[in-house]
Amino acid sequence: PKIEAGSSAQVRKTLEHQKISWYAKGLKDPKKFTTACWRSYPKGTKFKINYHTRSVVTICDDRGAFEFNGSNVFLDVSSGAFSGLSDLRTGIIYATVEVLN
């Protein structure tokens, strides 16, 4: 699936080769396209994540993106958002992230 940001969204920054993981534990609705992001991005920040030919737009509504196997994860996205990019069994992907708003 390809989820596009509305026409009013503007790219503030593009970050190449960012580590993306997924989570569902503790989420009210893991199918929503949400993400946990670092404190350097305010809650409400939108991220467009591009992986091969797929892309999703998520909104930061949680804090996190923690260490996984000894290295930092840039974004932890909901299982719904991750499955729009890759099979959940993949676990970790490296993607291009556009910071929107």
C-alpha atoms as a PDB file:
ATOM      1  CA  PRO A   1       0.000   0.000   0.000  1.00  0.00           C
ATOM      2  CA  LYS A   2       1.083   3.531  -0.687  1.00  0.00           C
ATOM      3  CA  ILE A   3      -0.132   6.171   1.729  1.00  0.00           C
ATOM      4  CA  GLU A   4       0.465   9.749   0.673  1.00  0.00           C
ATOM      5  CA  ALA A   5       0.551  12.865   2.819  1.00  0.00           C
ATOM      6  CA  GLY A   6      -2.012  15.525   2.051  1.00  0.00           C
ATOM      7  CA  SER A   7      -1.071  18.265  -0.362  1.00  0.00           C
ATOM      8  CA  SER A   8      -0.530  20.674   2.534  1.00  0.00           C
ATOM      9  CA  ALA A   9       2.336  18.599   3.977  1.00  0.00           C
ATOM     10  CA  GLN A  10       5.801  19.933   3.250  1.00  0.00           C
ATOM     11  CA  VAL A  11       9.101  18.102   3.657  1.00  0.00           C
ATOM     12  CA  ARG A  12      11.239  19.776   6.336  1.00  0.00           C
ATOM     13  CA  LYS A  13      14.118  17.304   6.247  1.00  0.00           C
ATOM     14  CA  THR A  14      15.063  14.069   4.492  1.00  0.00           C
ATOM     15  CA  LEU A  15      17.083  11.433   6.354  1.00  0.00           C
ATOM     16  CA  GLU A  16      18.604   8.509   4.452  1.00  0.00           C
ATOM     17  CA  HIS A  17      19.198   4.964   5.739  1.00  0.00           C
ATOM     18  CA  GLN A  18      17.340   5.231   9.054  1.00  0.00           C
ATOM     19  CA  LYS A  19      16.672   2.170  11.218  1.00  0.00           C
ATOM     20  CA  ILE A  20      12.938   1.523  11.620  1.00  0.00           C
ATOM     21  CA  SER A  21      11.386  -1.109  13.890  1.00  0.00           C
ATOM     22  CA  TRP A  22       7.802  -1.856  14.899  1.00  0.00           C
ATOM     23  CA  TYR A  23       5.876  -2.389  18.092  1.00  0.00           C
ATOM     24  CA  ALA A  24       2.320  -3.176  19.171  1.00  0.00           C
ATOM     25  CA  LYS A  25       2.548  -3.771  22.916  1.00  0.00           C
ATOM     26  CA  GLY A  26       0.607  -1.141  24.826  1.00  0.00           C
ATOM     27  CA  LEU A  27      -0.976   0.433  21.750  1.00  0.00           C
ATOM     28  CA  LYS A  28      -4.742   0.987  21.849  1.00  0.00           C
ATOM     29  CA  ASP A  29      -4.980   0.420  18.103  1.00  0.00           C
ATOM     30  CA  PRO A  30      -1.811  -1.056  16.562  1.00  0.00           C
ATOM     31  CA  LYS A  31      -3.375  -0.753  13.090  1.00  0.00           C
ATOM     32  CA  LYS A  32      -3.232   3.058  13.235  1.00  0.00           C
ATOM     33  CA  PHE A  33      -0.223   4.631  11.541  1.00  0.00           C
ATOM     34  CA  THR A  34       1.554   5.945  14.618  1.00  0.00           C
ATOM     35  CA  THR A  35       5.170   6.123  15.708  1.00  0.00           C
ATOM     36  CA  ALA A  36       7.355   6.618  18.750  1.00  0.00           C
ATOM     37  CA  CYS A  37       9.999   9.252  18.084  1.00  0.00           C
ATOM     38  CA  TRP A  38      12.905  10.930  19.851  1.00  0.00           C
ATOM     39  CA  ARG A  39      12.257  14.005  21.986  1.00  0.00           C
ATOM     40  CA  SER A  40      13.945  16.157  19.335  1.00  0.00           C
ATOM     41  CA  TYR A  41      10.670  15.888  17.382  1.00  0.00           C
ATOM     42  CA  PRO A  42       7.487  17.148  19.051  1.00  0.00           C
ATOM     43  CA  LYS A  43       4.471  14.900  19.351  1.00  0.00           C
ATOM     44  CA  GLY A  44       2.291  15.478  16.321  1.00  0.00           C
ATOM     45  CA  THR A  45       5.252  15.472  13.897  1.00  0.00           C
ATOM     46  CA  LYS A  46       4.475  13.545  10.716  1.00  0.00           C
ATOM     47  CA  PHE A  47       7.021  11.247   9.097  1.00  0.00           C
ATOM     48  CA  LYS A  48       6.818   9.823   5.586  1.00  0.00           C
ATOM     49  CA  ILE A  49       8.758   6.569   5.541  1.00  0.00           C
ATOM     50  CA  ASN A  50       9.903   5.312   2.138  1.00  0.00           C
ATOM     51  CA  TYR A  51      11.047   1.710   1.735  1.00  0.00           C
ATOM     52  CA  HIS A  52      11.687   0.450  -1.794  1.00  0.00           C
ATOM     53  CA  THR A  53       8.416   1.133  -3.670  1.00  0.00           C
ATOM     54  CA  ARG A  54       6.259   1.500  -0.558  1.00  0.00           C
ATOM     55  CA  SER A  55       5.632   4.484   1.679  1.00  0.00           C
ATOM     56  CA  VAL A  56       3.524   5.319   4.715  1.00  0.00           C
ATOM     57  CA  VAL A  57       2.887   8.500   6.662  1.00  0.00           C
ATOM     58  CA  THR A  58       2.909   8.187  10.451  1.00  0.00           C
ATOM     59  CA  ILE A  59       2.336  10.661  13.241  1.00  0.00           C
ATOM     60  CA  CYS A  60       4.429  10.800  16.409  1.00  0.00           C
ATOM     61  CA  ASP A  61       2.227  10.138  19.430  1.00  0.00           C
ATOM     62  CA  ASP A  62       4.676   8.405  21.751  1.00  0.00           C
ATOM     63  CA  ARG A  63       8.275   8.661  22.938  1.00  0.00           C
ATOM     64  CA  GLY A  64      10.842   6.067  22.194  1.00  0.00           C
ATOM     65  CA  ALA A  65      12.743   4.500  19.444  1.00  0.00           C
ATOM     66  CA  PHE A  66      15.221   2.725  21.583  1.00  0.00           C
ATOM     67  CA  GLU A  67      18.291   0.573  21.249  1.00  0.00           C
ATOM     68  CA  PHE A  68      17.855  -2.721  19.409  1.00  0.00           C
ATOM     69  CA  ASN A  69      20.690  -5.246  19.253  1.00  0.00           C
ATOM     70  CA  GLY A  70      23.247  -2.651  20.293  1.00  0.00           C
ATOM     71  CA  SER A  71      22.337   0.210  17.985  1.00  0.00           C
ATOM     72  CA  ASN A  72      19.791   3.008  18.011  1.00  0.00           C
ATOM     73  CA  VAL A  73      16.472   2.820  16.224  1.00  0.00           C
ATOM     74  CA  PHE A  74      15.313   6.093  14.643  1.00  0.00           C
ATOM     75  CA  LEU A  75      11.558   5.342  14.736  1.00  0.00           C
ATOM     76  CA  ASP A  76       9.415   2.623  16.291  1.00  0.00           C
ATOM     77  CA  VAL A  77       6.259   2.470  14.185  1.00  0.00           C
ATOM     78  CA  SER A  78       2.993   0.700  14.866  1.00  0.00           C
ATOM     79  CA  SER A  79       2.597  -2.779  13.443  1.00  0.00           C
ATOM     80  CA  GLY A  80      -0.019  -1.395  11.039  1.00  0.00           C
ATOM     81  CA  ALA A  81       2.413   1.148   9.624  1.00  0.00           C
ATOM     82  CA  PHE A  82       5.289  -1.344   9.415  1.00  0.00           C
ATOM     83  CA  SER A  83       3.156  -3.883   7.566  1.00  0.00           C
ATOM     84  CA  GLY A  84       2.538  -1.193   4.944  1.00  0.00           C
ATOM     85  CA  LEU A  85       6.298  -1.214   4.326  1.00  0.00           C
ATOM     86  CA  SER A  86       7.413  -4.801   4.870  1.00  0.00           C
ATOM     87  CA  ASP A  87       6.432  -8.113   6.422  1.00  0.00           C
ATOM     88  CA  LEU A  88       6.383  -7.884  10.230  1.00  0.00           C
ATOM     89  CA  ARG A  89       8.761 -10.858  10.410  1.00  0.00           C
ATOM     90  CA  THR A  90      11.456  -8.623   8.903  1.00  0.00           C
ATOM     91  CA  GLY A  91      11.596  -6.801  12.252  1.00  0.00           C
ATOM     92  CA  ILE A  92      14.004  -4.027  11.223  1.00  0.00           C
ATOM     93  CA  ILE A  93      14.328  -2.111   7.977  1.00  0.00           C
ATOM     94  CA  TYR A  94      16.516   0.756   6.789  1.00  0.00           C
ATOM     95  CA  ALA A  95      14.438   3.410   5.075  1.00  0.00           C
ATOM     96  CA  THR A  96      14.439   7.010   3.911  1.00  0.00           C
ATOM     97  CA  VAL A  97      12.442   9.223   6.272  1.00  0.00           C
ATOM     98  CA  GLU A  98      10.976  12.586   5.348  1.00  0.00           C
ATOM     99  CA  VAL A  99      10.092  14.819   8.284  1.00  0.00           C
ATOM    100  CA  LEU A 100       6.879  16.627   7.329  1.00  0.00           C
ATOM    101  CA  ASN A 101       4.865  19.633   8.619  1.00  0.00           C
END
